Amino acid sequence: MPLAPGAKAGIVGTVLVVMLSVAGYGAYNIYSGLDGGGGSGGDSDRTVADTAAPVAPEDITRTAAAFLAAWSAGDVKKAAVLTDSMQTATAAMTSLAQDAKVSKVTATPQPLNGTTVPFTVKATVSYANLPPKEWDYSSRLTVDRNLSGEPVVKWTPDVLVPGVQANQSVVTRQASSPQLDLLDRHGDVMTAAAYPGLTDVFDDLRKRYDGSGGTPGIETYIADAQQNTVKTLLTVKPGKNARLQTTLDAGLQKAAEKAVASATQAGVTALDTRTGAILAMASNPPGGENYALALKAPGSTFKIVTATALMLAPHSKAYPHGIGPSSPARCVDGYNVVGGKQYHNVTRDNVNADLAWDFAQSCNTGFIRLSPNLDQPNGLSDVGRKYFGLAGDSQPWYVGTGTEDGSIPGGTGDEFTSEMIGQGQVLMNTLEMASVSATVVNGRFVQPSILEDKDLIDKRTAIHTTSLPGYVQQGLKQMMKQTADHGTASGLLNGVAHPYGAKTGSAEENEGQADGWFTAFAGHVAAAGVVVGGGHGNASAGPIVASVLKAAS
């Protein structure tokens, strides 16, 4: 019989003696608790001074060890004093034991990382008369100074259990809905355990759809204010899984998950170009940020949209027949529009370059040189919306799982020229860039979906776009094939289905290594991938996308 919301189980009075080595960070037996209020709701009892001097590494080590030791000994009061938010920390530590039924924890801190102390956790969940269940996870804490200058643990809702946000709690009880098995387009069952690259998607679909059949099990999970399941942390006693029909392809999903596993932080999405069906979507590491749907600057892959805008531009004195793949566009490093910033290229200079060469070799300045032919500030955003369905929040796609829609904000001067090469304020995810390639193949935008029955998708409405003019579609396919045959994607698509084409990209983010991007199509499948900090797209995201397309061929 599941506990009613808010029911308390009482705290086990016996705690384990801990072995603590402050300098060496031994293993700690921790008796613990956390409630949903987290650290965000107790600002009134905070004591950290934002202007305090940085904490020395040895003080961070000592403070973290003292906090973990007190927490492990069941001394909630002592542990809370070592934080910057006593009331919130006290409630949090108490709740984890009472509501999540955590009876024992062993935490092992990892090497110090700046002001952050990571630690692994081995916990035991004891629910009613069920056998105790082991629960392993990792978390981290940071150390700051209070107004007196003493080091304290900076309290946030996710200190004790990662992923917990304000107004959420960790509970162990019968889940609010059954676990979900996904049926792929062939009717094969896909479980969350077998396809970890879909972890976030499984969790999201479970919240949105009941599926058919199924009985909730006993789980340790993050609950929202209404006690609905936000994220399952541990299955204490399995129920009967419900089933939901999707557009996914189990074989292609396996290939996608294997491909992204080659990078530390990566995501990939594949679509059926004819129907918009999402065939695969994978992110690595599983359960972390979903890099398949994370919004990032798409770099030169966005030149597909820019090239479309250029080929649609009105005829001018400089280009009396309009702009096409063979239109001259010199590639010279350091070029800038009058009064604007200089742009640089990875490729060599070519004073005889045309648009197709610039596209295939990913020459930034060749594109920037053509910027006077486009209307500012909306020349790119209008084309993105009209032909590719890229309208951001004003026209969400509602694909069946939670996504953030990208944006092409538009601008003038340096912002506009930066957006031409997929930088500036342009943001996209791999789903959107796979759709851009699918539109090139299909000649028109097809709204993606991950569910076979689109009527199940709340708020979904048809997105009306205009088909690409034949000459524009043909020009894009020509330039993407040239990129795959002789350009920056050369050799990557050997052995894929025909027709095929690709576009590489890299996008600078902050001051770190650029993110690597790649989008391509082969036959009736289009895909896009990103590797965070991967550098050049042909060497990072390219092999990932190529592996998926070869598996589909």
Protein backbone atom coordinates (compact mmCIF):
# COMPACT_ATOMS: atom_id res chain seq x y z
CA MET A 1 0.00 0.00 0.00
CA PRO A 2 1.68 3.27 -1.01
CA LEU A 3 2.21 5.98 1.56
CA ALA A 4 -0.05 8.98 1.31
CA PRO A 5 1.72 12.19 0.25
CA GLY A 6 3.38 13.79 3.22
CA ALA A 7 3.39 10.64 5.36
CA LYS A 8 6.44 10.23 7.55
CA ALA A 9 8.19 7.00 8.32
CA GLY A 10 10.31 8.16 11.27
CA ILE A 11 14.05 8.24 11.42
CA VAL A 12 16.06 5.20 12.25
CA GLY A 13 17.80 6.03 15.50
CA THR A 14 20.96 4.06 15.00
CA VAL A 15 23.72 5.50 12.88
CA LEU A 16 27.01 4.06 11.85
CA VAL A 17 30.30 5.21 13.27
CA VAL A 18 32.31 6.87 10.56
CA MET A 19 35.92 6.77 9.71
CA LEU A 20 37.04 10.21 8.74
CA SER A 21 40.34 11.35 7.40
CA VAL A 22 40.05 15.09 6.84
CA ALA A 23 43.20 15.36 4.81
CA GLY A 24 42.84 12.10 2.93
CA TYR A 25 39.08 12.06 2.38
CA GLY A 26 38.21 8.56 3.48
CA ALA A 27 34.82 6.92 3.04
CA TYR A 28 31.97 8.12 5.25
CA ASN A 29 28.88 6.26 6.45
CA ILE A 30 26.22 8.89 6.08
CA TYR A 31 22.74 9.03 7.60
CA SER A 32 20.93 11.72 5.71
CA GLY A 33 17.83 13.74 4.71
CA LEU A 34 16.59 16.17 2.03
CA ASP A 35 13.24 17.85 1.40
CA GLY A 36 11.87 19.58 -1.65
CA GLY A 37 12.35 23.11 -0.37
CA GLY A 38 16.05 22.80 -1.08
CA GLY A 39 18.32 25.75 -0.58
CA SER A 40 16.44 28.26 -2.67
CA GLY A 41 13.59 28.81 -0.29
CA GLY A 42 15.63 29.79 2.76
CA ASP A 43 17.33 32.96 1.60
CA SER A 44 16.34 34.70 4.85
CA ASP A 45 18.71 32.51 6.87
CA ARG A 46 21.66 32.75 4.49
CA THR A 47 24.93 34.04 5.92
CA VAL A 48 27.34 34.02 2.96
CA ALA A 49 28.88 37.34 2.00
CA ASP A 50 29.24 37.66 -1.77
CA THR A 51 32.32 39.87 -1.30
CA ALA A 52 34.20 37.36 0.90
CA ALA A 53 37.74 36.45 -0.04
CA PRO A 54 38.24 33.16 -1.92
CA VAL A 55 38.45 30.08 0.26
CA ALA A 56 41.79 28.30 0.36
CA PRO A 57 41.80 24.70 -0.97
CA GLU A 58 42.69 23.26 2.44
CA ASP A 59 39.73 25.08 4.00
CA ILE A 60 37.41 23.78 1.30
CA THR A 61 38.64 20.26 2.00
CA ARG A 62 38.27 20.61 5.76
CA THR A 63 34.81 22.21 5.62
CA ALA A 64 33.43 19.65 3.19
CA ALA A 65 34.82 16.81 5.30
CA ALA A 66 33.34 18.26 8.50
CA PHE A 67 29.93 18.70 6.88
CA LEU A 68 29.91 15.15 5.51
CA ALA A 69 31.09 13.77 8.85
CA ALA A 70 28.30 15.51 10.78
CA TRP A 71 25.70 14.50 8.22
CA SER A 72 26.95 10.91 8.29
CA ALA A 73 26.75 10.80 12.08
CA GLY A 74 23.11 11.86 11.98
CA ASP A 75 23.98 15.19 13.60
CA VAL A 76 21.73 17.32 11.41
CA LYS A 77 22.12 20.39 13.61
CA LYS A 78 25.90 20.32 13.42
CA ALA A 79 25.86 19.72 9.67
CA ALA A 80 23.38 22.55 9.09
CA VAL A 81 25.57 25.00 11.05
CA LEU A 82 28.30 24.27 8.53
CA THR A 83 26.09 25.59 5.67
CA ASP A 84 25.01 29.06 4.66
CA SER A 85 21.31 28.20 5.06
CA MET A 86 20.66 26.41 8.36
CA GLN A 87 16.88 26.14 8.23
CA THR A 88 16.71 24.90 4.67
CA ALA A 89 19.58 22.47 5.14
CA THR A 90 17.98 21.06 8.31
CA ALA A 91 14.67 20.45 6.54
CA ALA A 92 16.46 18.93 3.55
CA MET A 93 18.54 16.46 5.54
CA THR A 94 15.56 15.43 7.65
CA SER A 95 13.33 14.82 4.65
CA LEU A 96 15.70 12.53 2.78
CA ALA A 97 15.62 10.05 5.64
CA GLN A 98 11.88 10.35 6.31
CA ASP A 99 10.36 10.78 2.84
CA ALA A 100 12.95 9.05 0.66
CA LYS A 101 13.43 6.24 3.22
CA VAL A 102 17.22 6.48 3.01
CA SER A 103 18.53 4.46 5.96
CA LYS A 104 22.25 4.42 5.26
CA VAL A 105 24.69 6.22 2.99
CA THR A 106 28.41 5.93 2.33
CA ALA A 107 29.93 8.91 0.54
CA THR A 108 33.44 9.07 -0.90
CA PRO A 109 34.69 12.54 -1.90
CA GLN A 110 36.60 12.84 -5.15
CA PRO A 111 39.57 15.16 -5.83
CA LEU A 112 38.89 18.85 -5.30
CA ASN A 113 37.88 20.75 -8.43
CA GLY A 114 38.30 24.48 -7.83
CA THR A 115 35.84 25.34 -5.05
CA THR A 116 33.77 22.21 -5.74
CA VAL A 117 34.01 18.90 -3.90
CA PRO A 118 32.49 16.02 -5.92
CA PHE A 119 31.53 12.87 -4.06
CA THR A 120 30.11 9.46 -4.90
CA VAL A 121 27.31 8.00 -2.82
CA LYS A 122 26.30 4.45 -1.97
CA ALA A 123 22.90 4.61 -0.28
CA THR A 124 20.40 2.08 1.03
CA VAL A 125 16.68 2.65 0.64
CA SER A 126 14.46 0.76 3.11
CA TYR A 127 10.78 0.94 2.17
CA ALA A 128 8.09 -0.77 4.26
CA ASN A 129 8.60 -4.56 4.24
CA LEU A 130 10.44 -4.69 0.92
CA PRO A 131 14.08 -5.87 0.82
CA PRO A 132 16.54 -2.95 1.16
CA LYS A 133 17.66 -1.56 -2.19
CA GLU A 134 21.12 -0.18 -2.94
CA TRP A 135 21.29 3.21 -4.65
CA ASP A 136 24.54 4.57 -6.13
CA TYR A 137 24.90 8.12 -7.43
CA SER A 138 27.23 11.12 -7.47
CA SER A 139 26.81 14.65 -6.19
CA ARG A 140 28.92 17.67 -5.33
CA LEU A 141 29.06 20.67 -3.03
CA THR A 142 30.80 24.02 -3.04
CA VAL A 143 32.31 26.03 -0.21
CA ASP A 144 32.13 29.79 0.37
CA ARG A 145 32.62 32.14 3.37
CA ASN A 146 30.01 33.49 5.78
CA LEU A 147 29.94 37.07 7.06
CA SER A 148 32.41 36.13 9.76
CA GLY A 149 34.83 34.86 7.15
CA GLU A 150 34.39 31.20 8.08
CA PRO A 151 34.16 28.61 5.26
CA VAL A 152 30.67 27.08 4.91
CA VAL A 153 28.90 24.78 2.46
CA LYS A 154 26.90 26.81 -0.04
CA TRP A 155 23.43 25.28 0.06
CA THR A 156 21.49 24.52 -3.11
CA PRO A 157 18.55 22.13 -3.63
CA ASP A 158 20.79 19.58 -5.37
CA VAL A 159 23.58 19.24 -2.79
CA LEU A 160 22.35 15.93 -1.38
CA VAL A 161 20.76 14.56 -4.55
CA PRO A 162 21.65 15.95 -7.99
CA GLY A 163 18.83 17.16 -10.21
CA VAL A 164 16.58 18.42 -7.41
CA GLN A 165 15.26 21.93 -8.03
CA ALA A 166 13.35 24.43 -5.93
CA ASN A 167 9.89 23.21 -4.82
CA GLN A 168 10.83 19.60 -5.54
CA SER A 169 11.47 16.74 -3.14
CA VAL A 170 12.90 13.22 -3.11
CA VAL A 171 10.40 10.57 -2.07
CA THR A 172 10.08 6.79 -2.08
CA ARG A 173 6.56 5.52 -2.69
CA GLN A 174 4.36 4.18 -5.44
CA ALA A 175 5.11 6.27 -8.52
CA SER A 176 2.48 8.60 -9.96
CA SER A 177 2.59 6.75 -13.29
CA PRO A 178 3.95 3.43 -14.61
CA GLN A 179 7.35 3.12 -16.23
CA LEU A 180 7.17 3.35 -19.99
CA ASP A 181 8.37 1.03 -22.71
CA LEU A 182 8.55 2.62 -26.12
CA LEU A 183 7.50 0.70 -29.20
CA ASP A 184 9.61 1.53 -32.22
CA ARG A 185 8.12 1.92 -35.68
CA HIS A 186 8.38 -1.84 -36.24
CA GLY A 187 6.67 -2.68 -32.94
CA ASP A 188 9.86 -3.70 -31.13
CA VAL A 189 10.00 -2.85 -27.41
CA MET A 190 12.58 -0.24 -26.34
CA THR A 191 13.34 0.03 -22.61
CA ALA A 192 15.13 2.83 -20.81
CA ALA A 193 17.76 0.37 -19.57
CA ALA A 194 18.56 -0.86 -23.09
CA TYR A 195 18.68 2.65 -24.60
CA PRO A 196 20.34 4.95 -22.03
CA GLY A 197 20.90 7.65 -24.65
CA LEU A 198 17.15 8.25 -24.49
CA THR A 199 17.03 8.64 -20.70
CA ASP A 200 15.63 12.18 -20.73
CA VAL A 201 13.18 11.31 -23.49
CA PHE A 202 11.85 8.30 -21.55
CA ASP A 203 11.36 10.48 -18.46
CA ASP A 204 9.65 13.21 -20.44
CA LEU A 205 7.33 10.90 -22.39
CA ARG A 206 6.37 9.17 -19.17
CA LYS A 207 5.24 12.50 -17.70
CA ARG A 208 3.29 13.44 -20.81
CA TYR A 209 1.58 10.20 -21.83
CA ASP A 210 0.02 7.29 -19.98
CA GLY A 211 0.62 4.76 -22.74
CA SER A 212 -1.46 1.59 -22.78
CA GLY A 213 -1.72 -0.68 -19.73
CA GLY A 214 0.81 -0.59 -16.97
CA THR A 215 0.93 -0.37 -13.17
CA PRO A 216 3.22 1.99 -11.22
CA GLY A 217 5.99 0.43 -9.16
CA ILE A 218 7.65 1.56 -5.92
CA GLU A 219 10.31 4.10 -6.80
CA THR A 220 12.64 6.67 -5.31
CA TYR A 221 12.03 9.72 -7.43
CA ILE A 222 12.16 13.48 -7.63
CA ALA A 223 8.62 14.77 -7.15
CA ASP A 224 7.17 18.16 -8.00
CA ALA A 225 4.97 20.18 -5.65
CA GLN A 226 1.97 18.05 -6.67
CA GLN A 227 3.95 14.85 -5.97
CA ASN A 228 4.07 13.90 -9.65
CA THR A 229 7.15 12.03 -10.86
CA VAL A 230 9.77 14.36 -12.33
CA LYS A 231 12.64 11.89 -12.57
CA THR A 232 13.03 8.32 -11.37
CA LEU A 233 16.21 7.80 -9.34
CA LEU A 234 15.77 4.18 -8.25
CA THR A 235 13.25 1.40 -8.85
CA VAL A 236 12.65 -0.31 -5.50
CA LYS A 237 9.96 -2.68 -6.76
CA PRO A 238 9.11 -2.81 -10.48
CA GLY A 239 5.54 -2.39 -11.64
CA LYS A 240 4.13 -3.30 -15.04
CA ASN A 241 5.43 -1.02 -17.77
CA ALA A 242 3.03 0.82 -20.07
CA ARG A 243 3.70 1.01 -23.81
CA LEU A 244 3.74 3.96 -26.20
CA GLN A 245 4.05 3.80 -30.01
CA THR A 246 6.82 6.01 -31.36
CA THR A 247 8.49 6.74 -34.69
CA LEU A 248 11.90 5.60 -33.41
CA ASP A 249 13.89 2.87 -35.13
CA ALA A 250 15.50 0.57 -32.54
CA GLY A 251 18.39 -0.42 -34.81
CA LEU A 252 19.18 3.16 -35.76
CA GLN A 253 18.88 4.23 -32.12
CA LYS A 254 21.49 1.62 -31.15
CA ALA A 255 23.80 2.97 -33.84
CA ALA A 256 23.25 6.54 -32.63
CA GLU A 257 24.00 5.65 -29.01
CA LYS A 258 27.16 3.81 -29.99
CA ALA A 259 28.24 6.79 -32.10
CA VAL A 260 27.79 9.47 -29.42
CA ALA A 261 29.60 7.29 -26.87
CA SER A 262 32.82 8.16 -28.71
CA ALA A 263 32.66 11.73 -27.36
CA THR A 264 32.45 13.06 -23.81
CA GLN A 265 29.57 15.45 -24.55
CA ALA A 266 27.66 14.82 -27.76
CA GLY A 267 24.21 14.56 -29.26
CA VAL A 268 22.70 13.39 -32.56
CA THR A 269 19.23 13.27 -34.15
CA ALA A 270 18.06 11.45 -37.30
CA LEU A 271 14.85 12.08 -39.25
CA ASP A 272 12.90 10.48 -42.07
CA THR A 273 13.03 13.22 -44.70
CA ARG A 274 9.66 12.21 -46.15
CA THR A 275 7.56 12.23 -42.97
CA GLY A 276 9.53 14.14 -40.34
CA ALA A 277 9.52 11.02 -38.15
CA ILE A 278 12.28 11.11 -35.53
CA LEU A 279 14.17 7.85 -36.11
CA ALA A 280 16.88 8.26 -33.47
CA MET A 281 17.93 10.75 -30.81
CA ALA A 282 20.89 10.08 -28.55
CA SER A 283 22.92 12.04 -26.05
CA ASN A 284 26.08 11.25 -24.11
CA PRO A 285 26.55 11.08 -21.17
CA PRO A 286 23.17 9.41 -20.50
CA GLY A 287 21.03 11.16 -17.93
CA GLY A 288 22.98 14.42 -18.14
CA GLU A 289 22.18 17.40 -20.34
CA ASN A 290 20.45 16.24 -23.51
CA TYR A 291 22.96 17.47 -26.08
CA ALA A 292 20.71 16.31 -28.92
CA LEU A 293 18.28 19.06 -27.91
CA ALA A 294 20.61 21.59 -26.31
CA LEU A 295 20.55 25.00 -27.99
CA LYS A 296 23.93 26.11 -29.26
CA ALA A 297 25.36 28.26 -32.05
CA PRO A 298 25.34 25.97 -35.12
CA GLY A 299 28.37 27.45 -36.84
CA SER A 300 28.77 26.92 -40.56
CA THR A 301 26.03 24.27 -40.78
CA PHE A 302 23.72 27.31 -40.70
CA LYS A 303 25.18 28.39 -44.06
CA ILE A 304 22.52 26.14 -45.60
CA VAL A 305 19.95 28.72 -44.49
CA THR A 306 22.23 31.61 -45.45
CA ALA A 307 22.86 30.16 -48.92
CA THR A 308 19.10 29.82 -49.35
CA ALA A 309 18.65 33.50 -48.50
CA LEU A 310 21.40 34.50 -50.93
CA MET A 311 19.93 32.49 -53.80
CA LEU A 312 16.52 34.06 -53.11
CA ALA A 313 17.94 37.60 -52.98
CA PRO A 314 16.74 40.08 -55.62
CA HIS A 315 18.91 40.55 -58.69
CA SER A 316 21.35 43.41 -58.36
CA LYS A 317 23.81 45.35 -60.48
CA ALA A 318 26.63 43.19 -59.14
CA TYR A 319 24.60 40.01 -59.73
CA PRO A 320 22.20 40.77 -62.59
CA HIS A 321 21.21 37.10 -62.88
CA GLY A 322 20.94 36.59 -59.14
CA ILE A 323 23.24 34.62 -56.84
CA GLY A 324 23.81 30.91 -57.42
CA PRO A 325 26.47 28.28 -56.71
CA SER A 326 28.70 29.63 -59.49
CA SER A 327 28.48 33.28 -58.42
CA PRO A 328 31.91 34.78 -57.61
CA ALA A 329 32.60 35.29 -53.90
CA ARG A 330 36.31 35.70 -53.17
CA CYS A 331 37.62 33.93 -50.08
CA VAL A 332 40.22 36.15 -48.42
CA ASP A 333 41.09 35.90 -44.75
CA GLY A 334 40.54 39.05 -42.67
CA TYR A 335 37.82 40.52 -44.89
CA ASN A 336 35.35 42.88 -43.29
CA VAL A 337 32.35 44.84 -44.44
CA VAL A 338 33.09 48.57 -44.28
CA GLY A 339 32.95 49.62 -40.64
CA GLY A 340 32.57 46.02 -39.44
CA LYS A 341 34.81 43.53 -37.71
CA GLN A 342 37.27 41.28 -39.50
CA TYR A 343 36.38 37.64 -40.11
CA HIS A 344 38.78 34.76 -40.45
CA ASN A 345 38.82 31.41 -42.24
CA VAL A 346 40.25 28.01 -41.55
CA THR A 347 40.55 27.30 -45.26
CA ARG A 348 43.10 28.81 -47.61
CA ASP A 349 42.51 32.04 -49.56
CA ASN A 350 41.00 31.70 -53.03
CA VAL A 351 40.46 34.89 -55.00
CA ASN A 352 38.68 32.87 -57.70
CA ALA A 353 36.20 31.25 -55.31
CA ASP A 354 32.50 31.05 -56.04
CA LEU A 355 29.63 30.44 -53.62
CA ALA A 356 29.81 26.66 -54.06
CA TRP A 357 33.53 26.62 -53.24
CA ASP A 358 32.97 28.82 -50.19
CA PHE A 359 30.18 26.51 -49.04
CA ALA A 360 32.15 23.31 -49.58
CA GLN A 361 35.35 24.64 -47.99
CA SER A 362 33.47 26.55 -45.27
CA CYS A 363 34.91 29.95 -46.11
CA ASN A 364 33.38 32.56 -43.84
CA THR A 365 34.52 35.68 -45.67
CA GLY A 366 33.13 34.50 -49.00
CA PHE A 367 29.68 34.53 -47.41
CA ILE A 368 30.27 37.79 -45.51
CA ARG A 369 31.27 39.44 -48.79
CA LEU A 370 27.74 38.77 -50.10
CA SER A 371 25.95 40.30 -47.08
CA PRO A 372 24.97 43.56 -48.90
CA ASN A 373 22.60 41.45 -51.01
CA LEU A 374 20.47 40.54 -47.97
CA ASP A 375 17.94 42.67 -46.14
CA GLN A 376 18.87 43.63 -42.60
CA PRO A 377 17.82 42.91 -39.91
CA ASN A 378 15.36 40.17 -40.97
CA GLY A 379 16.78 38.66 -44.15
CA LEU A 380 17.87 35.44 -42.46
CA SER A 381 15.07 35.10 -39.91
CA ASP A 382 12.41 35.55 -42.61
CA VAL A 383 13.93 32.82 -44.78
CA GLY A 384 14.36 30.51 -41.79
CA ARG A 385 10.71 30.87 -40.84
CA LYS A 386 9.21 30.79 -44.34
CA TYR A 387 11.09 27.82 -45.79
CA PHE A 388 12.54 25.86 -42.83
CA GLY A 389 9.90 26.37 -40.13
CA LEU A 390 12.50 28.01 -37.86
CA ALA A 391 10.39 30.56 -36.03
CA GLY A 392 11.48 30.00 -32.44
CA ASP A 393 8.98 30.51 -29.64
CA SER A 394 6.51 32.22 -31.97
CA GLN A 395 5.86 28.92 -33.76
CA PRO A 396 6.90 25.92 -31.60
CA TRP A 397 7.18 22.56 -33.32
CA TYR A 398 5.63 20.43 -30.52
CA VAL A 399 7.26 17.19 -31.62
CA GLY A 400 5.90 15.08 -28.75
CA THR A 401 8.77 15.47 -26.30
CA GLY A 402 10.03 18.60 -24.62
CA THR A 403 12.27 20.73 -26.82
CA GLU A 404 13.54 24.29 -26.76
CA ASP A 405 13.07 25.96 -30.09
CA GLY A 406 16.06 27.70 -31.62
CA SER A 407 16.12 31.29 -32.76
CA ILE A 408 17.35 33.54 -35.54
CA PRO A 409 16.92 36.95 -33.89
CA GLY A 410 18.28 39.02 -36.77
CA GLY A 411 20.25 42.20 -36.42
CA THR A 412 22.39 44.70 -38.22
CA GLY A 413 26.09 45.20 -38.77
CA ASP A 414 28.34 42.68 -37.05
CA GLU A 415 25.42 40.79 -35.55
CA PHE A 416 23.90 40.16 -38.97
CA THR A 417 27.17 39.08 -40.58
CA SER A 418 27.90 36.82 -37.59
CA GLU A 419 24.49 35.20 -37.96
CA MET A 420 25.28 34.50 -41.62
CA ILE A 421 27.95 32.03 -40.47
CA GLY A 422 25.91 30.56 -37.61
CA GLN A 423 27.40 32.66 -34.84
CA GLY A 424 26.10 35.79 -33.11
CA GLN A 425 22.79 35.12 -31.37
CA VAL A 426 21.69 32.26 -33.63
CA LEU A 427 20.84 29.12 -31.64
CA MET A 428 19.88 25.68 -32.94
CA ASN A 429 19.83 22.06 -31.79
CA THR A 430 20.55 18.84 -33.68
CA LEU A 431 16.83 18.19 -34.27
CA GLU A 432 16.49 21.52 -36.06
CA MET A 433 19.66 21.14 -38.11
CA ALA A 434 18.64 17.61 -39.13
CA SER A 435 15.33 19.12 -40.23
CA VAL A 436 17.17 21.75 -42.27
CA SER A 437 18.93 18.98 -44.22
CA ALA A 438 15.64 17.08 -44.54
CA THR A 439 14.05 20.19 -46.05
CA VAL A 440 16.82 20.34 -48.65
CA VAL A 441 16.14 16.75 -49.67
CA ASN A 442 12.35 16.95 -49.55
CA GLY A 443 12.03 20.44 -50.99
CA ARG A 444 9.67 21.48 -48.19
CA PHE A 445 9.59 21.53 -44.41
CA VAL A 446 7.91 18.56 -42.70
CA GLN A 447 7.15 19.06 -39.02
CA PRO A 448 9.02 16.42 -36.97
CA SER A 449 7.34 14.08 -34.50
CA ILE A 450 8.47 11.32 -32.15
CA LEU A 451 4.97 9.83 -31.79
CA GLU A 452 3.19 7.75 -34.40
CA ASP A 453 -0.16 9.23 -33.32
CA LYS A 454 0.39 12.97 -33.63
CA ASP A 455 -3.08 13.65 -32.20
CA LEU A 456 -1.68 12.74 -28.78
CA ILE A 457 0.63 15.76 -28.86
CA ASP A 458 -0.81 18.62 -26.85
CA LYS A 459 -0.90 22.05 -28.52
CA ARG A 460 0.47 20.71 -31.81
CA THR A 461 -0.75 22.67 -34.81
CA ALA A 462 0.35 22.47 -38.42
CA ILE A 463 3.23 24.77 -39.33
CA HIS A 464 2.73 26.28 -42.74
CA THR A 465 5.81 26.96 -44.82
CA THR A 466 6.64 27.55 -48.46
CA SER A 467 8.37 24.94 -50.62
CA LEU A 468 11.88 25.75 -51.75
CA PRO A 469 11.98 26.98 -55.34
CA GLY A 470 13.37 24.24 -57.58
CA TYR A 471 16.52 26.12 -58.48
CA VAL A 472 17.27 26.82 -54.80
CA GLN A 473 16.74 23.21 -53.78
CA GLN A 474 18.92 22.02 -56.63
CA GLY A 475 21.66 24.52 -55.73
CA LEU A 476 21.66 23.43 -52.08
CA LYS A 477 21.82 19.73 -52.97
CA GLN A 478 24.66 20.44 -55.40
CA MET A 479 26.70 22.35 -52.81
CA MET A 480 26.08 19.79 -50.06
CA LYS A 481 27.19 16.98 -52.39
CA GLN A 482 30.28 18.97 -53.34
CA THR A 483 31.05 19.36 -49.62
CA ALA A 484 30.81 15.60 -49.16
CA ASP A 485 32.83 14.75 -52.28
CA HIS A 486 35.55 17.39 -52.34
CA GLY A 487 35.03 19.73 -49.40
CA THR A 488 35.36 19.68 -45.63
CA ALA A 489 33.25 16.48 -45.35
CA SER A 490 35.27 14.58 -47.93
CA GLY A 491 35.38 10.82 -47.34
CA LEU A 492 32.99 10.76 -44.39
CA LEU A 493 29.91 9.64 -46.33
CA ASN A 494 31.53 6.85 -48.32
CA GLY A 495 29.12 3.93 -48.51
CA VAL A 496 25.90 5.77 -47.59
CA ALA A 497 22.69 5.73 -49.61
CA HIS A 498 22.17 8.10 -52.54
CA PRO A 499 21.51 10.97 -52.89
CA TYR A 500 23.79 12.35 -50.20
CA GLY A 501 25.23 15.65 -49.07
CA ALA A 502 26.72 17.31 -46.00
CA LYS A 503 27.71 20.53 -44.27
CA THR A 504 30.33 20.88 -41.54
CA GLY A 505 30.58 23.55 -38.90
CA SER A 506 32.29 24.73 -35.77
CA ALA A 507 31.03 27.38 -33.38
CA GLU A 508 33.02 29.25 -30.79
CA GLU A 509 31.43 29.22 -27.34
CA ASN A 510 32.89 31.46 -24.65
CA GLU A 511 36.69 31.07 -24.70
CA GLY A 512 36.94 27.30 -24.87
CA GLN A 513 37.39 24.92 -27.77
CA ALA A 514 34.77 25.39 -30.49
CA ASP A 515 31.79 23.03 -30.67
CA GLY A 516 31.90 20.69 -33.66
CA TRP A 517 28.78 20.42 -35.87
CA PHE A 518 27.81 18.25 -38.81
CA THR A 519 24.57 17.79 -40.73
CA ALA A 520 23.97 15.52 -43.70
CA PHE A 521 21.47 13.44 -45.62
CA ALA A 522 21.65 10.05 -47.30
CA GLY A 523 18.71 8.54 -49.11
CA HIS A 524 15.59 9.31 -47.07
CA VAL A 525 17.39 9.97 -43.78
CA ALA A 526 18.80 13.27 -42.56
CA ALA A 527 20.86 13.68 -39.40
CA ALA A 528 22.77 16.28 -37.43
CA GLY A 529 25.21 16.03 -34.56
CA VAL A 530 27.16 18.24 -32.18
CA VAL A 531 30.21 17.55 -30.03
CA VAL A 532 30.70 20.10 -27.27
CA GLY A 533 34.26 21.37 -27.42
CA GLY A 534 34.92 19.05 -30.35
CA GLY A 535 36.62 21.62 -32.57
CA HIS A 536 36.24 21.09 -36.32
CA GLY A 537 32.97 19.37 -37.17
CA ASN A 538 34.47 17.06 -39.77
CA ALA A 539 36.68 15.43 -37.15
CA SER A 540 34.23 15.38 -34.23
CA ALA A 541 30.53 15.39 -35.11
CA GLY A 542 31.13 14.17 -38.67
CA PRO A 543 31.99 10.55 -37.80
CA ILE A 544 28.98 10.39 -35.45
CA VAL A 545 26.50 11.48 -38.11
CA ALA A 546 28.20 9.33 -40.75
CA SER A 547 27.84 6.24 -38.53
CA VAL A 548 24.11 6.86 -38.16
CA LEU A 549 23.58 7.39 -41.89
CA LYS A 550 25.58 4.28 -42.76
CA ALA A 551 23.46 2.26 -40.33
CA ALA A 552 20.36 3.57 -42.12
CA SER A 553 21.67 2.76 -45.60
